[in-house]
Each structure stands twice: as C-alpha cells, then as structure tokens.
Amino acid sequence: MEVLKLITELPQYQQIRTVASRADGYKITDKNPYNPHPQDGPATFSKYDAQGPLVVKVFSFSYTKGIPEDESGNGGGYVFDCRSTHNPGRYEPYKKLTGLDDPVIRFLEDDGEILTFLDSVYKLADNHVRRYIQRGFTSLMFCFGCTGGQHRSVYSAQHLAEHIHDKFGVEVRICHREQKINQILKANNQ
C-alpha cells in the first residue's frame, strides 16, 4: 500500500487541483499537466476533472446485440472489434465454451493473433488510464465485441481488465454481457 501511495505522489500522477470555477461549469487550475505556449493563457478543465477515484468498466458483447450503452453520461469509451482474430467458435470442441475456459484460452494464445491485438490495446489503454487518474476522472469504459460475445471478446475483456487492475490498482468492473457474468476487481486501497 505504501508503494502505491509513493507512486501516486510522483509528479506525473498528481491529480489536478482546481483553484477556480467558472459560471459555465468549467474549472481552471494553476497546475497544468500540459506545457502550453505563454500566449495560450490558463487552461480550462471540465467539470469531470479532479472528481477522483477512477472506476474502469470493461465489457464483452456480441455485435448482433449492439454495443453496450455508457451509463456514466460521458458518451462512451473505446470499442474494439475482435472479429478479425481467429475464431475458436468455428470449431466443435469450443462451441459451448467461453473465453474464460482453459481450452479456449489455449487455442487463442497458441494461435497468437489475439496476443498481438491485445498488445496494441494495452498500450492505448495504459496511456488513457494514466491520464484519467492524473486528471481525477471517475469513469472510463472499454468494450470488446465479436460475433457471439462468447470467445474472443470475453478473453480480451477479461485480460484487459486484469491488466489494468494489476498495473494501476484501480477498481475494474467487468461485464461479459452475453454470458451474464459480472465481476468487480476492487481497487487495491479498499
């Protein structure tokens, strides 16, 4: 716990502290994480800045049933399409299993396409989560879709959720919508 506290006190992880609010709901701060040109003036920030702790929601879904709705009011987040990767659902031994089952995990990892796909997702997600923590945002959403919402999207959502939780220690809420499986990975400080 002490190590996490020390890490979050590093300058690059400092939350933005607002010093004034404007009538339109935007806030300004004297601690700008960006390096503006002097002619730019003080930065303004949204009403969502510095509201703290971040909760990440990660969904798996079937494209035939639509993209999950963002209930936070922020307009959504990332949506990743897993349909370009090799589908274990095309093979009889895997048809009744999900991306949480060992035989499907072995199939996807031995094939390797999903690992390459997730490497790119991890890089994008890490930068986004880091910035959201720094700015004190409270909600971030990642969705993974595939044909049935059973194999590739479930595997991807579960692995991203665990990656974010392990790396940043924030609360991650997982919803494998078509499988009717929900899970919460509690923040490390709770």
N, C-alpha and C. Protein backbone atom coordinates (compact mmCIF):
# COMPACT_ATOMS: atom_id res chain seq x y z
N MET A 1 0.82 -1.18 0.00
CA MET A 1 0.00 0.00 0.00
C MET A 1 0.88 1.25 0.00
N GLU A 2 1.94 1.24 0.78
CA GLU A 2 2.83 2.40 0.86
C GLU A 2 3.49 2.68 -0.49
N VAL A 3 3.84 1.61 -1.22
CA VAL A 3 4.46 1.78 -2.54
C VAL A 3 3.49 2.46 -3.49
N LEU A 4 2.23 2.04 -3.47
CA LEU A 4 1.21 2.67 -4.33
C LEU A 4 1.07 4.15 -4.00
N LYS A 5 1.07 4.47 -2.71
CA LYS A 5 0.96 5.88 -2.30
C LYS A 5 2.16 6.68 -2.83
N LEU A 6 3.35 6.12 -2.70
CA LEU A 6 4.55 6.81 -3.19
C LEU A 6 4.50 7.02 -4.71
N ILE A 7 4.02 6.01 -5.42
CA ILE A 7 3.93 6.13 -6.88
C ILE A 7 2.94 7.23 -7.26
N THR A 8 1.80 7.25 -6.60
CA THR A 8 0.78 8.25 -6.98
C THR A 8 1.19 9.66 -6.58
N GLU A 9 2.21 9.80 -5.75
CA GLU A 9 2.70 11.13 -5.40
C GLU A 9 3.74 11.66 -6.38
N LEU A 10 4.17 10.82 -7.33
CA LEU A 10 5.10 11.29 -8.35
C LEU A 10 4.43 12.38 -9.19
N PRO A 11 5.20 13.35 -9.70
CA PRO A 11 4.59 14.48 -10.44
C PRO A 11 3.70 14.05 -11.59
N GLN A 12 4.07 13.01 -12.33
CA GLN A 12 3.28 12.63 -13.49
C GLN A 12 1.93 12.01 -13.13
N TYR A 13 1.72 11.67 -11.84
CA TYR A 13 0.46 11.09 -11.42
C TYR A 13 -0.35 12.02 -10.50
N GLN A 14 0.12 13.23 -10.33
CA GLN A 14 -0.59 14.16 -9.46
C GLN A 14 -1.92 14.54 -10.06
N GLN A 15 -2.94 14.53 -9.22
CA GLN A 15 -4.25 14.95 -9.68
C GLN A 15 -4.27 16.47 -9.81
N ILE A 16 -5.05 16.93 -10.74
CA ILE A 16 -5.20 18.36 -10.96
C ILE A 16 -6.06 18.93 -9.84
N ARG A 17 -5.59 19.96 -9.18
CA ARG A 17 -6.36 20.64 -8.14
C ARG A 17 -6.93 21.91 -8.73
N THR A 18 -8.23 22.05 -8.67
CA THR A 18 -8.85 23.24 -9.23
C THR A 18 -8.72 24.40 -8.26
N VAL A 19 -8.57 25.58 -8.80
CA VAL A 19 -8.45 26.78 -7.97
C VAL A 19 -9.60 27.74 -8.18
N ALA A 20 -10.34 27.59 -9.25
CA ALA A 20 -11.47 28.48 -9.51
C ALA A 20 -12.46 27.78 -10.43
N SER A 21 -13.73 28.09 -10.26
CA SER A 21 -14.75 27.58 -11.14
C SER A 21 -15.36 28.73 -11.92
N ARG A 22 -15.72 28.45 -13.14
CA ARG A 22 -16.39 29.45 -13.95
C ARG A 22 -17.88 29.19 -13.92
N ALA A 23 -18.66 30.16 -14.32
CA ALA A 23 -20.12 30.03 -14.31
C ALA A 23 -20.60 28.93 -15.23
N ASP A 24 -19.83 28.60 -16.27
CA ASP A 24 -20.26 27.57 -17.22
C ASP A 24 -19.91 26.16 -16.77
N GLY A 25 -19.39 26.00 -15.54
CA GLY A 25 -19.08 24.67 -15.02
C GLY A 25 -17.65 24.24 -15.24
N TYR A 26 -16.90 24.94 -16.07
CA TYR A 26 -15.51 24.60 -16.29
C TYR A 26 -14.66 25.15 -15.16
N LYS A 27 -13.55 24.50 -14.89
CA LYS A 27 -12.67 24.90 -13.82
C LYS A 27 -11.30 25.24 -14.40
N ILE A 28 -10.57 26.08 -13.71
CA ILE A 28 -9.20 26.37 -14.11
C ILE A 28 -8.28 25.97 -12.97
N THR A 29 -7.03 25.76 -13.30
CA THR A 29 -6.06 25.33 -12.31
C THR A 29 -4.73 26.02 -12.59
N ASP A 30 -3.92 26.11 -11.56
CA ASP A 30 -2.58 26.66 -11.76
C ASP A 30 -1.57 25.55 -12.02
N LYS A 31 -2.01 24.28 -11.95
CA LYS A 31 -1.12 23.14 -12.21
C LYS A 31 -1.56 22.46 -13.49
N ASN A 32 -1.06 22.90 -14.59
CA ASN A 32 -1.44 22.38 -15.89
C ASN A 32 -0.53 21.21 -16.25
N PRO A 33 -1.08 20.02 -16.54
CA PRO A 33 -0.23 18.89 -16.92
C PRO A 33 0.37 19.04 -18.32
N TYR A 34 -0.07 20.02 -19.05
CA TYR A 34 0.42 20.27 -20.40
C TYR A 34 1.39 21.44 -20.36
N ASN A 35 2.18 21.60 -21.39
CA ASN A 35 3.12 22.71 -21.48
C ASN A 35 2.64 23.68 -22.56
N PRO A 36 1.73 24.57 -22.21
CA PRO A 36 1.19 25.48 -23.21
C PRO A 36 2.17 26.60 -23.54
N HIS A 37 1.96 27.21 -24.65
CA HIS A 37 2.70 28.40 -25.04
C HIS A 37 2.21 29.54 -24.16
N PRO A 38 3.08 30.47 -23.76
CA PRO A 38 2.65 31.57 -22.88
C PRO A 38 1.45 32.36 -23.41
N GLN A 39 1.30 32.42 -24.71
CA GLN A 39 0.17 33.16 -25.27
C GLN A 39 -1.16 32.42 -25.11
N ASP A 40 -1.11 31.14 -24.72
CA ASP A 40 -2.33 30.35 -24.60
C ASP A 40 -3.17 30.73 -23.39
N GLY A 41 -2.55 31.26 -22.34
CA GLY A 41 -3.29 31.60 -21.13
C GLY A 41 -3.54 30.37 -20.29
N PRO A 42 -4.30 30.52 -19.18
CA PRO A 42 -4.54 29.37 -18.31
C PRO A 42 -5.47 28.35 -18.97
N ALA A 43 -5.22 27.09 -18.68
CA ALA A 43 -6.05 26.02 -19.23
C ALA A 43 -7.38 25.96 -18.49
N THR A 44 -8.42 25.56 -19.18
CA THR A 44 -9.69 25.29 -18.53
C THR A 44 -9.89 23.79 -18.53
N PHE A 45 -10.63 23.30 -17.56
CA PHE A 45 -10.86 21.87 -17.43
C PHE A 45 -12.34 21.63 -17.25
N SER A 46 -12.78 20.46 -17.58
CA SER A 46 -14.20 20.16 -17.50
C SER A 46 -14.63 19.92 -16.05
N LYS A 47 -15.93 19.89 -15.86
CA LYS A 47 -16.47 19.63 -14.52
C LYS A 47 -16.17 18.22 -14.05
N TYR A 48 -15.66 17.37 -14.95
CA TYR A 48 -15.32 16.00 -14.58
C TYR A 48 -13.90 15.88 -14.04
N ASP A 49 -13.08 16.92 -14.18
CA ASP A 49 -11.72 16.89 -13.65
C ASP A 49 -11.74 16.86 -12.13
N ALA A 50 -10.73 16.21 -11.56
CA ALA A 50 -10.47 16.21 -10.12
C ALA A 50 -11.66 15.72 -9.30
N GLN A 51 -12.40 14.77 -9.81
CA GLN A 51 -13.52 14.21 -9.06
C GLN A 51 -13.15 12.89 -8.38
N GLY A 52 -12.03 12.31 -8.71
CA GLY A 52 -11.34 11.17 -8.19
C GLY A 52 -12.08 9.94 -8.00
N PRO A 53 -11.85 8.86 -7.38
CA PRO A 53 -11.12 7.71 -7.92
C PRO A 53 -11.72 7.14 -9.21
N LEU A 54 -10.85 6.71 -10.05
CA LEU A 54 -11.25 6.15 -11.34
C LEU A 54 -11.83 4.75 -11.17
N VAL A 55 -12.95 4.50 -11.86
CA VAL A 55 -13.53 3.16 -11.98
C VAL A 55 -13.56 2.85 -13.48
N VAL A 56 -12.95 1.74 -13.85
CA VAL A 56 -12.90 1.33 -15.26
C VAL A 56 -13.93 0.23 -15.47
N LYS A 57 -14.73 0.37 -16.52
CA LYS A 57 -15.71 -0.66 -16.87
C LYS A 57 -15.25 -1.33 -18.16
N VAL A 58 -15.24 -2.65 -18.17
CA VAL A 58 -14.81 -3.41 -19.33
C VAL A 58 -15.92 -4.39 -19.70
N PHE A 59 -16.36 -4.31 -20.94
CA PHE A 59 -17.46 -5.15 -21.42
C PHE A 59 -17.00 -6.08 -22.53
N SER A 60 -17.61 -7.27 -22.59
CA SER A 60 -17.57 -8.08 -23.80
C SER A 60 -19.00 -8.14 -24.30
N PHE A 61 -19.16 -8.22 -25.62
CA PHE A 61 -20.51 -8.21 -26.18
C PHE A 61 -20.53 -8.83 -27.57
N SER A 62 -21.73 -9.12 -28.04
CA SER A 62 -21.96 -9.60 -29.40
C SER A 62 -22.41 -8.42 -30.25
N TYR A 63 -21.78 -8.24 -31.39
CA TYR A 63 -22.20 -7.16 -32.29
C TYR A 63 -23.64 -7.32 -32.74
N THR A 64 -24.13 -8.56 -32.78
CA THR A 64 -25.52 -8.76 -33.21
C THR A 64 -26.52 -8.21 -32.20
N LYS A 65 -26.07 -7.95 -30.96
CA LYS A 65 -26.96 -7.41 -29.92
C LYS A 65 -26.63 -5.95 -29.58
N GLY A 66 -25.70 -5.37 -30.32
CA GLY A 66 -25.40 -3.95 -30.14
C GLY A 66 -24.29 -3.67 -29.14
N ILE A 67 -23.70 -2.49 -29.29
CA ILE A 67 -22.62 -2.04 -28.41
C ILE A 67 -23.23 -1.64 -27.06
N PRO A 68 -22.57 -2.00 -25.95
CA PRO A 68 -23.10 -1.63 -24.63
C PRO A 68 -23.24 -0.12 -24.47
N GLU A 69 -24.27 0.27 -23.78
CA GLU A 69 -24.54 1.69 -23.54
C GLU A 69 -23.68 2.20 -22.39
N ASP A 70 -23.20 3.42 -22.52
CA ASP A 70 -22.45 4.06 -21.45
C ASP A 70 -23.43 4.77 -20.52
N GLU A 71 -23.55 4.27 -19.31
CA GLU A 71 -24.50 4.84 -18.35
C GLU A 71 -23.91 5.99 -17.55
N SER A 72 -22.62 6.31 -17.77
CA SER A 72 -21.98 7.38 -16.99
C SER A 72 -22.38 8.77 -17.45
N GLY A 73 -22.90 8.86 -18.67
CA GLY A 73 -23.24 10.17 -19.20
C GLY A 73 -22.08 10.85 -19.93
N ASN A 74 -20.94 10.16 -20.02
CA ASN A 74 -19.77 10.73 -20.68
C ASN A 74 -19.72 10.45 -22.18
N GLY A 75 -20.65 9.69 -22.69
CA GLY A 75 -20.70 9.46 -24.13
C GLY A 75 -19.96 8.24 -24.62
N GLY A 76 -19.49 7.40 -23.73
CA GLY A 76 -18.86 6.15 -24.17
C GLY A 76 -17.36 6.16 -24.00
N GLY A 77 -16.74 5.15 -24.55
CA GLY A 77 -15.30 4.99 -24.45
C GLY A 77 -14.81 4.24 -25.67
N TYR A 78 -13.86 3.36 -25.45
CA TYR A 78 -13.28 2.59 -26.55
C TYR A 78 -14.15 1.38 -26.89
N VAL A 79 -14.23 1.08 -28.18
CA VAL A 79 -14.88 -0.13 -28.66
C VAL A 79 -13.90 -0.83 -29.60
N PHE A 80 -13.53 -2.05 -29.25
CA PHE A 80 -12.58 -2.83 -30.05
C PHE A 80 -13.29 -4.01 -30.70
N ASP A 81 -13.00 -4.22 -31.97
CA ASP A 81 -13.62 -5.28 -32.76
C ASP A 81 -12.66 -6.47 -32.84
N CYS A 82 -13.04 -7.57 -32.19
CA CYS A 82 -12.21 -8.78 -32.14
C CYS A 82 -12.46 -9.72 -33.31
N ARG A 83 -13.38 -9.37 -34.21
CA ARG A 83 -13.77 -10.30 -35.26
C ARG A 83 -12.67 -10.57 -36.27
N SER A 84 -11.61 -9.78 -36.27
CA SER A 84 -10.52 -10.03 -37.23
C SER A 84 -9.61 -11.17 -36.76
N THR A 85 -9.74 -11.58 -35.50
CA THR A 85 -8.87 -12.63 -34.97
C THR A 85 -9.52 -14.01 -35.16
N HIS A 86 -8.69 -15.03 -35.12
CA HIS A 86 -9.12 -16.42 -35.33
C HIS A 86 -10.21 -16.79 -34.33
N ASN A 87 -11.32 -17.33 -34.82
CA ASN A 87 -12.49 -17.61 -34.01
C ASN A 87 -12.56 -19.07 -33.56
N PRO A 88 -12.36 -19.34 -32.26
CA PRO A 88 -12.48 -20.72 -31.79
C PRO A 88 -13.91 -21.26 -31.89
N GLY A 89 -14.88 -20.37 -31.99
CA GLY A 89 -16.27 -20.79 -32.11
C GLY A 89 -16.58 -21.54 -33.40
N ARG A 90 -15.66 -21.53 -34.34
CA ARG A 90 -15.83 -22.27 -35.59
C ARG A 90 -15.48 -23.75 -35.45
N TYR A 91 -14.96 -24.13 -34.29
CA TYR A 91 -14.51 -25.50 -34.07
C TYR A 91 -15.38 -26.15 -32.99
N GLU A 92 -15.85 -27.33 -33.28
CA GLU A 92 -16.81 -28.03 -32.42
C GLU A 92 -16.38 -28.11 -30.95
N PRO A 93 -15.12 -28.44 -30.62
CA PRO A 93 -14.77 -28.59 -29.21
C PRO A 93 -14.95 -27.32 -28.37
N TYR A 94 -15.02 -26.15 -29.03
CA TYR A 94 -15.07 -24.89 -28.30
C TYR A 94 -16.44 -24.21 -28.33
N LYS A 95 -17.38 -24.76 -29.09
CA LYS A 95 -18.66 -24.08 -29.32
C LYS A 95 -19.43 -23.78 -28.03
N LYS A 96 -19.34 -24.63 -27.02
CA LYS A 96 -20.11 -24.41 -25.79
C LYS A 96 -19.27 -23.79 -24.68
N LEU A 97 -18.03 -23.45 -24.99
CA LEU A 97 -17.14 -22.85 -24.00
C LEU A 97 -17.08 -21.34 -24.20
N THR A 98 -16.40 -20.65 -23.29
CA THR A 98 -16.22 -19.20 -23.42
C THR A 98 -14.74 -18.85 -23.35
N GLY A 99 -14.44 -17.59 -23.53
CA GLY A 99 -13.07 -17.09 -23.44
C GLY A 99 -12.49 -17.15 -22.04
N LEU A 100 -13.27 -17.62 -21.07
CA LEU A 100 -12.78 -17.81 -19.70
C LEU A 100 -12.33 -19.25 -19.46
N ASP A 101 -12.63 -20.13 -20.40
CA ASP A 101 -12.31 -21.56 -20.24
C ASP A 101 -10.91 -21.87 -20.78
N ASP A 102 -10.19 -22.72 -20.04
CA ASP A 102 -8.80 -23.04 -20.39
C ASP A 102 -8.60 -23.51 -21.83
N PRO A 103 -9.45 -24.41 -22.37
CA PRO A 103 -9.22 -24.84 -23.76
C PRO A 103 -9.31 -23.68 -24.77
N VAL A 104 -10.21 -22.74 -24.53
CA VAL A 104 -10.33 -21.58 -25.43
C VAL A 104 -9.13 -20.66 -25.25
N ILE A 105 -8.73 -20.45 -24.02
CA ILE A 105 -7.55 -19.61 -23.75
C ILE A 105 -6.33 -20.19 -24.45
N ARG A 106 -6.14 -21.51 -24.34
CA ARG A 106 -5.01 -22.17 -25.01
C ARG A 106 -5.08 -21.97 -26.51
N PHE A 107 -6.28 -22.17 -27.09
CA PHE A 107 -6.48 -22.00 -28.53
C PHE A 107 -6.07 -20.59 -28.96
N LEU A 108 -6.59 -19.59 -28.27
CA LEU A 108 -6.32 -18.20 -28.65
C LEU A 108 -4.86 -17.84 -28.48
N GLU A 109 -4.26 -18.26 -27.38
CA GLU A 109 -2.86 -17.91 -27.12
C GLU A 109 -1.90 -18.69 -28.01
N ASP A 110 -2.20 -19.94 -28.31
CA ASP A 110 -1.35 -20.71 -29.22
C ASP A 110 -1.39 -20.12 -30.62
N ASP A 111 -2.57 -19.67 -31.03
CA ASP A 111 -2.71 -19.04 -32.35
C ASP A 111 -1.93 -17.73 -32.40
N GLY A 112 -1.99 -16.93 -31.34
CA GLY A 112 -1.19 -15.72 -31.22
C GLY A 112 -1.81 -14.43 -31.72
N GLU A 113 -2.79 -14.51 -32.61
CA GLU A 113 -3.39 -13.27 -33.15
C GLU A 113 -3.96 -12.39 -32.05
N ILE A 114 -4.62 -12.98 -31.08
CA ILE A 114 -5.26 -12.21 -30.01
C ILE A 114 -4.22 -11.51 -29.14
N LEU A 115 -3.04 -12.13 -28.99
CA LEU A 115 -1.99 -11.52 -28.18
C LEU A 115 -1.43 -10.27 -28.85
N THR A 116 -1.24 -10.34 -30.17
CA THR A 116 -0.79 -9.17 -30.93
C THR A 116 -1.83 -8.06 -30.86
N PHE A 117 -3.09 -8.44 -31.02
CA PHE A 117 -4.20 -7.49 -30.92
C PHE A 117 -4.19 -6.80 -29.56
N LEU A 118 -4.06 -7.57 -28.49
CA LEU A 118 -4.11 -7.01 -27.14
C LEU A 118 -2.88 -6.17 -26.80
N ASP A 119 -1.73 -6.48 -27.38
CA ASP A 119 -0.55 -5.64 -27.15
C ASP A 119 -0.83 -4.19 -27.52
N SER A 120 -1.48 -3.99 -28.65
CA SER A 120 -1.83 -2.63 -29.08
C SER A 120 -2.87 -2.01 -28.17
N VAL A 121 -3.84 -2.79 -27.76
CA VAL A 121 -4.88 -2.30 -26.85
C VAL A 121 -4.27 -1.88 -25.52
N TYR A 122 -3.36 -2.69 -24.98
CA TYR A 122 -2.73 -2.38 -23.70
C TYR A 122 -2.00 -1.03 -23.76
N LYS A 123 -1.28 -0.77 -24.83
CA LYS A 123 -0.55 0.49 -24.95
C LYS A 123 -1.50 1.68 -24.93
N LEU A 124 -2.56 1.57 -25.68
CA LEU A 124 -3.56 2.64 -25.74
C LEU A 124 -4.25 2.80 -24.38
N ALA A 125 -4.67 1.70 -23.79
CA ALA A 125 -5.37 1.73 -22.50
C ALA A 125 -4.47 2.29 -21.40
N ASP A 126 -3.22 1.86 -21.36
CA ASP A 126 -2.31 2.34 -20.31
C ASP A 126 -2.18 3.86 -20.33
N ASN A 127 -2.00 4.42 -21.51
CA ASN A 127 -1.88 5.88 -21.61
C ASN A 127 -3.17 6.57 -21.18
N HIS A 128 -4.28 6.01 -21.57
CA HIS A 128 -5.57 6.61 -21.26
C HIS A 128 -5.86 6.52 -19.75
N VAL A 129 -5.65 5.36 -19.16
CA VAL A 129 -5.89 5.19 -17.72
C VAL A 129 -4.97 6.11 -16.93
N ARG A 130 -3.71 6.18 -17.31
CA ARG A 130 -2.74 7.04 -16.62
C ARG A 130 -3.22 8.50 -16.62
N ARG A 131 -3.67 8.98 -17.77
CA ARG A 131 -4.14 10.36 -17.87
C ARG A 131 -5.44 10.57 -17.09
N TYR A 132 -6.33 9.60 -17.12
CA TYR A 132 -7.59 9.72 -16.36
C TYR A 132 -7.31 9.78 -14.86
N ILE A 133 -6.38 8.98 -14.38
CA ILE A 133 -6.00 9.03 -12.97
C ILE A 133 -5.42 10.40 -12.65
N GLN A 134 -4.54 10.87 -13.50
CA GLN A 134 -3.90 12.17 -13.28
C GLN A 134 -4.92 13.29 -13.22
N ARG A 135 -5.91 13.23 -14.07
CA ARG A 135 -6.90 14.30 -14.11
C ARG A 135 -8.04 14.11 -13.11
N GLY A 136 -8.06 12.97 -12.43
CA GLY A 136 -9.09 12.73 -11.43
C GLY A 136 -10.44 12.35 -12.01
N PHE A 137 -10.46 11.83 -13.22
CA PHE A 137 -11.71 11.39 -13.83
C PHE A 137 -12.21 10.14 -13.10
N THR A 138 -13.50 9.90 -13.17
CA THR A 138 -14.09 8.81 -12.39
C THR A 138 -14.56 7.62 -13.22
N SER A 139 -14.65 7.77 -14.54
CA SER A 139 -15.24 6.70 -15.34
C SER A 139 -14.54 6.55 -16.69
N LEU A 140 -14.19 5.32 -17.01
CA LEU A 140 -13.60 5.00 -18.31
C LEU A 140 -14.15 3.65 -18.72
N MET A 141 -14.46 3.52 -20.00
CA MET A 141 -15.13 2.31 -20.50
C MET A 141 -14.38 1.73 -21.69
N PHE A 142 -14.20 0.42 -21.67
CA PHE A 142 -13.63 -0.32 -22.79
C PHE A 142 -14.60 -1.44 -23.15
N CYS A 143 -14.86 -1.63 -24.43
CA CYS A 143 -15.76 -2.69 -24.88
C CYS A 143 -15.07 -3.53 -25.96
N PHE A 144 -15.28 -4.82 -25.90
CA PHE A 144 -14.75 -5.74 -26.89
C PHE A 144 -15.91 -6.52 -27.49
N GLY A 145 -16.05 -6.43 -28.80
CA GLY A 145 -17.12 -7.14 -29.48
C GLY A 145 -16.60 -8.21 -30.40
N CYS A 146 -17.39 -9.26 -30.56
CA CYS A 146 -17.13 -10.28 -31.57
C CYS A 146 -18.48 -10.81 -32.04
N THR A 147 -18.47 -11.84 -32.81
CA THR A 147 -19.71 -12.32 -33.41
C THR A 147 -20.74 -12.71 -32.37
N GLY A 148 -20.36 -13.57 -31.42
CA GLY A 148 -21.32 -14.07 -30.44
C GLY A 148 -21.14 -13.54 -29.04
N GLY A 149 -20.07 -12.79 -28.78
CA GLY A 149 -19.81 -12.32 -27.43
C GLY A 149 -19.48 -13.46 -26.48
N GLN A 150 -18.76 -14.44 -27.00
CA GLN A 150 -18.55 -15.67 -26.22
C GLN A 150 -17.08 -16.04 -26.06
N HIS A 151 -16.28 -15.91 -27.10
CA HIS A 151 -14.90 -16.39 -27.05
C HIS A 151 -13.88 -15.24 -27.04
N ARG A 152 -13.68 -14.64 -28.21
CA ARG A 152 -12.63 -13.64 -28.39
C ARG A 152 -12.86 -12.39 -27.55
N SER A 153 -14.10 -11.89 -27.55
CA SER A 153 -14.38 -10.67 -26.79
C SER A 153 -14.30 -10.92 -25.29
N VAL A 154 -14.74 -12.08 -24.84
CA VAL A 154 -14.68 -12.42 -23.41
C VAL A 154 -13.22 -12.53 -22.98
N TYR A 155 -12.42 -13.23 -23.76
CA TYR A 155 -10.99 -13.36 -23.46
C TYR A 155 -10.34 -11.98 -23.39
N SER A 156 -10.59 -11.14 -24.38
CA SER A 156 -9.96 -9.82 -24.46
C SER A 156 -10.39 -8.93 -23.31
N ALA A 157 -11.68 -8.89 -23.02
CA ALA A 157 -12.18 -8.04 -21.93
C ALA A 157 -11.59 -8.48 -20.59
N GLN A 158 -11.58 -9.76 -20.35
CA GLN A 158 -11.05 -10.27 -19.08
C GLN A 158 -9.58 -9.93 -18.92
N HIS A 159 -8.81 -10.12 -20.00
CA HIS A 159 -7.38 -9.86 -19.91
C HIS A 159 -7.06 -8.37 -19.79
N LEU A 160 -7.80 -7.52 -20.48
CA LEU A 160 -7.57 -6.08 -20.31
C LEU A 160 -7.93 -5.66 -18.88
N ALA A 161 -9.05 -6.14 -18.38
CA ALA A 161 -9.48 -5.79 -17.02
C ALA A 161 -8.40 -6.18 -16.00
N GLU A 162 -7.89 -7.38 -16.11
CA GLU A 162 -6.86 -7.84 -15.17
C GLU A 162 -5.58 -7.05 -15.34
N HIS A 163 -5.24 -6.72 -16.58
CA HIS A 163 -4.04 -5.92 -16.86
C HIS A 163 -4.13 -4.55 -16.19
N ILE A 164 -5.26 -3.87 -16.38
CA ILE A 164 -5.44 -2.53 -15.79
C ILE A 164 -5.43 -2.60 -14.27
N HIS A 165 -6.13 -3.58 -13.72
CA HIS A 165 -6.18 -3.72 -12.26
C HIS A 165 -4.79 -4.00 -11.70
N ASP A 166 -4.06 -4.92 -12.31
CA ASP A 166 -2.71 -5.26 -11.83
C ASP A 166 -1.75 -4.09 -11.96
N LYS A 167 -1.85 -3.34 -13.05
CA LYS A 167 -0.89 -2.26 -13.30
C LYS A 167 -1.20 -0.98 -12.52
N PHE A 168 -2.48 -0.64 -12.40
CA PHE A 168 -2.85 0.65 -11.81
C PHE A 168 -3.55 0.54 -10.46
N GLY A 169 -4.04 -0.63 -10.10
CA GLY A 169 -4.68 -0.82 -8.81
C GLY A 169 -6.05 -0.18 -8.66
N VAL A 170 -6.65 0.25 -9.77
CA VAL A 170 -7.97 0.89 -9.71
C VAL A 170 -9.07 -0.17 -9.74
N GLU A 171 -10.27 0.24 -9.35
CA GLU A 171 -11.41 -0.67 -9.44
C GLU A 171 -11.76 -0.90 -10.90
N VAL A 172 -11.98 -2.16 -11.25
CA VAL A 172 -12.38 -2.52 -12.60
C VAL A 172 -13.65 -3.37 -12.50
N ARG A 173 -14.67 -2.96 -13.21
CA ARG A 173 -15.93 -3.70 -13.26
C ARG A 173 -16.03 -4.38 -14.61
N ILE A 174 -16.16 -5.69 -14.58
CA ILE A 174 -16.19 -6.48 -15.81
C ILE A 174 -17.62 -6.96 -16.04
N CYS A 175 -18.08 -6.82 -17.27
CA CYS A 175 -19.40 -7.33 -17.65
C CYS A 175 -19.26 -8.11 -18.95
N HIS A 176 -19.40 -9.43 -18.86
CA HIS A 176 -19.48 -10.27 -20.06
C HIS A 176 -20.98 -10.38 -20.34
N ARG A 177 -21.48 -9.41 -21.08
CA ARG A 177 -22.92 -9.22 -21.21
C ARG A 177 -23.67 -10.45 -21.71
N GLU A 178 -23.22 -11.04 -22.80
CA GLU A 178 -23.96 -12.18 -23.37
C GLU A 178 -23.83 -13.43 -22.50
N GLN A 179 -22.80 -13.48 -21.68
CA GLN A 179 -22.61 -14.63 -20.79
C GLN A 179 -23.27 -14.41 -19.43
N LYS A 180 -23.78 -13.20 -19.22
CA LYS A 180 -24.42 -12.82 -17.96
C LYS A 180 -23.47 -13.04 -16.77
N ILE A 181 -22.22 -12.62 -16.97
CA ILE A 181 -21.20 -12.72 -15.92
C ILE A 181 -20.72 -11.31 -15.59
N ASN A 182 -20.80 -10.95 -14.31
CA ASN A 182 -20.30 -9.67 -13.82
C ASN A 182 -19.29 -9.94 -12.72
N GLN A 183 -18.26 -9.11 -12.69
CA GLN A 183 -17.20 -9.29 -11.71
C GLN A 183 -16.64 -7.91 -11.37
N ILE A 184 -16.27 -7.72 -10.13
CA ILE A 184 -15.63 -6.46 -9.71
C ILE A 184 -14.25 -6.79 -9.15
N LEU A 185 -13.23 -6.15 -9.71
CA LEU A 185 -11.88 -6.21 -9.17
C LEU A 185 -11.71 -4.93 -8.35
N LYS A 186 -11.74 -5.06 -7.03
CA LYS A 186 -11.70 -3.90 -6.14
C LYS A 186 -10.37 -3.16 -6.24
N ALA A 187 -10.44 -1.85 -6.03
CA ALA A 187 -9.22 -1.05 -6.00
C ALA A 187 -8.30 -1.57 -4.90
N ASN A 188 -7.02 -1.47 -5.10
CA ASN A 188 -6.05 -2.02 -4.14
C ASN A 188 -6.09 -1.34 -2.79
N ASN A 189 -6.62 -0.12 -2.73
CA ASN A 189 -6.65 0.58 -1.44
C ASN A 189 -7.94 0.31 -0.68
N GLN A 190 -8.78 -0.62 -1.15
CA GLN A 190 -10.05 -0.91 -0.46
C GLN A 190 -9.99 -2.26 0.22
